[in-house]
């Protein structure tokens, strides 16, 4: 299998390509649940190009080949600046990474890589959450959460899918539990739990990335199945065309 760079640096979490998640029992339901997203496309953009190759600013994607794209840098430790011929793209690093992870979780067929936590995470819960957790531990284990009751109102998480190991394990567990409480068993619940894992696994706003990290993130995002929007329906990138720059500087 391909080797991917570790994005670990002192004091901050790593950016790694998520491992494959074994969801064979849920495969058919997940496929149906994600069908509306899979049918989304960026649309016929070629005819919308103007004199400066302008495209719609939201919902569109870079049209150049990967070789023609250049990562300029990072803005405010949250946005990746990508140069395309006649365009500048501002990419939200969190939602781009989140989308790449979610598509990989949906599409993978190999067993998940579950990582034991060096220090198990004790998650404090409300009485209602504790009751739900006790009844849901087997279901949550499908998604990599290896947990056990730990006192009357808490659980101890001993292992998680490896992309969550350096993240907010307690927050991810509680959000996954919330997904269970908010939906009936079936494809909608499974889709929400996967979205929770992807969100908590992704790099965050404020994570400073090195050049190779940004290049890999953009590559993974543009290579995924549904790069146009994040799992919550928001746009991932924003385009500033050369025509707009020319007009702002009175060069039109």
Protein backbone atom coordinates (compact mmCIF):
# COMPACT_ATOMS: atom_id res chain seq x y z
CA UNK A 1 0.00 0.00 0.00
CA UNK A 2 1.04 3.60 -0.54
CA UNK A 3 2.98 5.38 2.14
CA UNK A 4 1.66 8.73 3.25
CA UNK A 5 3.57 11.43 5.09
CA UNK A 6 2.91 11.89 8.76
CA UNK A 7 1.88 15.43 9.53
CA UNK A 8 3.04 15.19 13.12
CA UNK A 9 4.88 18.13 14.59
CA UNK A 10 5.62 19.17 18.11
CA UNK A 11 2.47 19.97 20.00
CA UNK A 12 -0.06 19.40 17.24
CA UNK A 13 -2.04 16.47 15.84
CA UNK A 14 -1.02 14.64 12.70
CA UNK A 15 -2.65 14.63 9.29
CA UNK A 16 -2.81 11.12 7.93
CA UNK A 17 -4.81 9.46 5.23
CA UNK A 18 -7.62 7.65 7.07
CA UNK A 19 -7.47 3.88 7.17
CA UNK A 20 -10.13 1.79 5.53
CA UNK A 21 -13.18 1.14 7.68
CA UNK A 22 -14.73 -2.32 7.63
CA UNK A 23 -18.44 -1.66 7.34
CA UNK A 24 -19.47 -4.66 5.28
CA UNK A 25 -22.70 -5.21 7.20
CA UNK A 26 -23.70 -1.58 6.69
CA UNK A 27 -22.45 -1.22 3.10
CA UNK A 28 -25.81 -1.36 1.33
CA UNK A 29 -27.52 1.06 3.71
CA UNK A 30 -24.60 3.48 3.61
CA UNK A 31 -24.69 3.43 -0.17
CA UNK A 32 -28.36 4.32 -0.21
CA UNK A 33 -27.95 6.99 2.47
CA UNK A 34 -25.26 8.82 0.54
CA UNK A 35 -26.96 8.60 -2.85
CA UNK A 36 -28.14 12.25 -2.94
CA UNK A 37 -24.58 13.44 -2.33
CA UNK A 38 -23.14 11.08 -4.92
CA UNK A 39 -25.42 12.54 -7.57
CA UNK A 40 -24.06 16.05 -7.02
CA UNK A 41 -21.77 17.39 -9.71
CA UNK A 42 -19.93 20.62 -10.25
CA UNK A 43 -22.03 21.18 -13.39
CA UNK A 44 -21.01 22.11 -16.93
CA UNK A 45 -18.47 24.81 -16.18
CA UNK A 46 -16.64 25.12 -19.46
CA UNK A 47 -19.26 27.28 -21.18
CA UNK A 48 -19.31 29.68 -18.22
CA UNK A 49 -15.73 30.75 -18.74
CA UNK A 50 -15.41 34.37 -19.72
CA UNK A 51 -12.53 36.38 -21.00
CA UNK A 52 -10.46 35.61 -17.91
CA UNK A 53 -11.61 32.01 -17.52
CA UNK A 54 -14.04 32.97 -14.77
CA UNK A 55 -16.21 30.38 -13.04
CA UNK A 56 -18.91 30.60 -10.38
CA UNK A 57 -17.26 31.53 -7.10
CA UNK A 58 -19.06 28.96 -4.92
CA UNK A 59 -19.79 25.30 -5.60
CA UNK A 60 -17.21 25.08 -8.37
CA UNK A 61 -13.85 23.35 -8.32
CA UNK A 62 -10.42 23.90 -9.87
CA UNK A 63 -10.51 22.62 -13.43
CA UNK A 64 -6.77 22.44 -14.05
CA UNK A 65 -4.81 19.22 -13.81
CA UNK A 66 -2.93 18.61 -10.54
CA UNK A 67 0.31 19.46 -12.32
CA UNK A 68 -1.04 22.93 -13.15
CA UNK A 69 -2.04 23.74 -9.58
CA UNK A 70 0.40 25.44 -7.21
CA UNK A 71 0.02 25.64 -3.44
CA UNK A 72 0.90 29.21 -2.52
CA UNK A 73 0.59 28.85 1.24
CA UNK A 74 -1.77 29.03 4.19
CA UNK A 75 -3.91 31.95 5.28
CA UNK A 76 -4.66 32.42 8.99
CA UNK A 77 -3.82 28.75 9.70
CA UNK A 78 -7.15 27.76 8.26
CA UNK A 79 -7.25 28.32 4.52
CA UNK A 80 -5.01 26.90 1.82
CA UNK A 81 -4.31 29.20 -1.13
CA UNK A 82 -4.15 27.37 -4.44
CA UNK A 83 -3.10 29.00 -7.71
CA UNK A 84 -4.69 27.81 -10.92
CA UNK A 85 -4.05 29.44 -14.30
CA UNK A 86 -6.11 32.66 -14.21
CA UNK A 87 -7.54 31.92 -10.75
CA UNK A 88 -6.83 31.86 -7.03
CA UNK A 89 -8.71 29.36 -4.89
CA UNK A 90 -9.19 29.73 -1.13
CA UNK A 91 -9.74 26.26 0.35
CA UNK A 92 -11.16 25.60 3.81
CA UNK A 93 -8.66 23.05 5.09
CA UNK A 94 -10.97 21.46 7.67
CA UNK A 95 -13.94 20.76 5.41
CA UNK A 96 -11.73 19.71 2.47
CA UNK A 97 -10.02 17.14 4.69
CA UNK A 98 -13.35 16.12 6.23
CA UNK A 99 -14.82 15.43 2.80
CA UNK A 100 -11.82 13.35 1.72
CA UNK A 101 -12.01 11.27 4.91
CA UNK A 102 -15.77 10.71 4.69
CA UNK A 103 -15.62 9.54 1.09
CA UNK A 104 -12.82 7.15 1.98
CA UNK A 105 -14.80 5.73 4.90
CA UNK A 106 -17.82 5.24 2.65
CA UNK A 107 -15.89 3.59 -0.14
CA UNK A 108 -13.36 1.39 1.64
CA UNK A 109 -13.65 -2.38 1.82
CA UNK A 110 -10.62 -3.25 3.96
CA UNK A 111 -10.65 -3.75 7.74
CA UNK A 112 -10.37 -0.65 9.87
CA UNK A 113 -7.12 0.18 11.61
CA UNK A 114 -8.05 0.51 15.27
CA UNK A 115 -5.44 2.01 17.57
CA UNK A 116 -5.25 1.39 21.29
CA UNK A 117 -4.94 4.57 23.31
CA UNK A 118 -1.79 4.88 25.37
CA UNK A 119 -3.94 6.39 28.10
CA UNK A 120 -7.59 5.30 27.88
CA UNK A 121 -10.03 8.19 27.69
CA UNK A 122 -12.66 8.38 30.43
CA UNK A 123 -15.76 10.11 29.09
CA UNK A 124 -18.14 11.63 31.62
CA UNK A 125 -21.80 11.32 30.64
CA UNK A 126 -25.21 12.41 31.84
CA UNK A 127 -27.45 9.69 33.30
CA UNK A 128 -29.36 9.46 30.01
CA UNK A 129 -26.17 9.33 27.96
CA UNK A 130 -24.70 6.66 30.23
CA UNK A 131 -27.78 4.49 29.78
CA UNK A 132 -27.68 4.93 26.00
CA UNK A 133 -23.93 4.23 25.90
CA UNK A 134 -24.33 0.97 27.81
CA UNK A 135 -26.88 -0.17 25.23
CA UNK A 136 -24.85 1.04 22.24
CA UNK A 137 -21.28 -0.14 22.88
CA UNK A 138 -21.56 -3.03 20.44
CA UNK A 139 -22.89 -0.76 17.70
CA UNK A 140 -20.19 1.84 18.33
CA UNK A 141 -17.51 -0.85 18.12
CA UNK A 142 -18.36 -1.23 14.41
CA UNK A 143 -16.93 2.26 13.97
CA UNK A 144 -13.77 1.62 15.96
CA UNK A 145 -14.86 2.76 19.43
CA UNK A 146 -13.71 0.07 21.85
CA UNK A 147 -15.26 1.18 25.13
CA UNK A 148 -16.58 -0.21 28.39
CA UNK A 149 -18.65 1.10 31.31
CA UNK A 150 -16.52 2.87 33.90
CA UNK A 151 -18.60 3.79 36.89
CA UNK A 152 -22.28 4.77 36.89
CA UNK A 153 -21.96 7.82 34.60
CA UNK A 154 -18.89 7.31 32.46
CA UNK A 155 -17.28 5.02 29.93
CA UNK A 156 -13.64 4.26 29.29
CA UNK A 157 -12.60 4.35 25.64
CA UNK A 158 -9.65 2.02 25.13
CA UNK A 159 -9.22 2.23 21.35
CA UNK A 160 -10.51 4.19 18.36
CA UNK A 161 -10.08 4.27 14.61
CA UNK A 162 -6.51 5.44 14.16
CA UNK A 163 -7.32 8.87 12.71
CA UNK A 164 -9.05 9.77 15.98
CA UNK A 165 -6.22 8.68 18.26
CA UNK A 166 -4.63 12.13 18.50
CA UNK A 167 -7.89 14.03 18.43
CA UNK A 168 -10.74 14.84 20.82
CA UNK A 169 -11.75 11.27 21.62
CA UNK A 170 -14.32 12.27 24.23
CA UNK A 171 -15.97 14.74 21.87
CA UNK A 172 -16.06 12.22 19.03
CA UNK A 173 -17.57 9.54 21.28
CA UNK A 174 -20.27 11.86 22.63
CA UNK A 175 -21.14 13.12 19.15
CA UNK A 176 -21.38 9.55 17.87
CA UNK A 177 -23.64 8.76 20.82
CA UNK A 178 -25.74 11.80 19.94
CA UNK A 179 -26.09 10.47 16.40
CA UNK A 180 -27.48 7.24 17.81
CA UNK A 181 -29.97 9.03 20.05
CA UNK A 182 -31.12 11.32 17.25
CA UNK A 183 -31.86 8.74 14.54
CA UNK A 184 -33.53 5.39 14.14
CA UNK A 185 -31.37 2.33 13.40
CA UNK A 186 -30.44 2.09 9.75
CA UNK A 187 -28.65 3.97 7.03
CA UNK A 188 -29.26 7.53 8.30
CA UNK A 189 -27.72 6.73 11.66
CA UNK A 190 -24.70 5.04 10.08
CA UNK A 191 -24.16 7.99 7.76
CA UNK A 192 -24.25 10.43 10.68
CA UNK A 193 -21.76 8.40 12.71
CA UNK A 194 -19.35 8.27 9.78
CA UNK A 195 -19.73 12.02 9.32
CA UNK A 196 -18.91 12.49 13.00
CA UNK A 197 -15.76 10.39 12.68
CA UNK A 198 -14.68 12.33 9.58
CA UNK A 199 -15.28 15.69 11.25
CA UNK A 200 -13.30 14.83 14.37
CA UNK A 201 -10.49 13.19 12.35
CA UNK A 202 -9.92 16.16 10.05
CA UNK A 203 -7.39 18.91 10.58
CA UNK A 204 -8.90 21.91 12.33
CA UNK A 205 -8.94 25.62 11.75
CA UNK A 206 -5.78 26.85 13.44
CA UNK A 207 -3.65 23.81 12.56
CA UNK A 208 -0.54 25.10 10.84
CA UNK A 209 0.48 22.89 7.91
CA UNK A 210 3.75 22.54 6.06
CA UNK A 211 3.96 22.66 2.28
CA UNK A 212 3.93 18.86 1.76
CA UNK A 213 0.97 18.59 4.11
CA UNK A 214 -1.04 21.14 2.15
CA UNK A 215 -0.12 19.48 -1.14
CA UNK A 216 -1.26 16.08 0.12
CA UNK A 217 -4.47 17.46 1.60
CA UNK A 218 -5.43 19.25 -1.63
CA UNK A 219 -4.54 16.15 -3.66
CA UNK A 220 -6.67 13.89 -1.44
CA UNK A 221 -9.57 16.33 -1.53
CA UNK A 222 -9.62 16.78 -5.31
CA UNK A 223 -9.17 13.02 -5.79
CA UNK A 224 -12.15 12.05 -3.65
CA UNK A 225 -15.55 11.18 -5.04
CA UNK A 226 -17.49 14.28 -3.93
CA UNK A 227 -15.12 17.24 -3.64
CA UNK A 228 -17.66 20.00 -4.32
CA UNK A 229 -19.26 20.32 -0.86
CA UNK A 230 -18.53 19.33 2.70
CA UNK A 231 -20.71 16.69 4.42
CA UNK A 232 -22.83 19.50 5.90
CA UNK A 233 -23.52 21.05 2.49
CA UNK A 234 -21.21 24.05 2.82
CA UNK A 235 -18.84 25.13 0.09
CA UNK A 236 -15.26 23.98 0.47
CA UNK A 237 -13.50 26.53 -1.68
CA UNK A 238 -13.91 30.04 -3.03
CA UNK A 239 -12.55 31.29 -6.35
CA UNK A 240 -11.11 34.71 -7.12
CA UNK A 241 -10.77 35.07 -10.88
CA UNK A 242 -8.13 37.03 -12.72
CA UNK A 243 -10.88 39.22 -14.14
CA UNK A 244 -11.95 40.28 -10.66
CA UNK A 245 -8.38 41.10 -9.69
CA UNK A 246 -7.94 43.12 -12.88
CA UNK A 247 -11.11 45.10 -12.20
CA UNK A 248 -10.15 45.82 -8.60
CA UNK A 249 -6.82 47.19 -9.80
CA UNK A 250 -8.37 49.12 -12.71
CA UNK A 251 -6.75 46.88 -15.32
CA UNK A 252 -9.94 45.75 -17.02
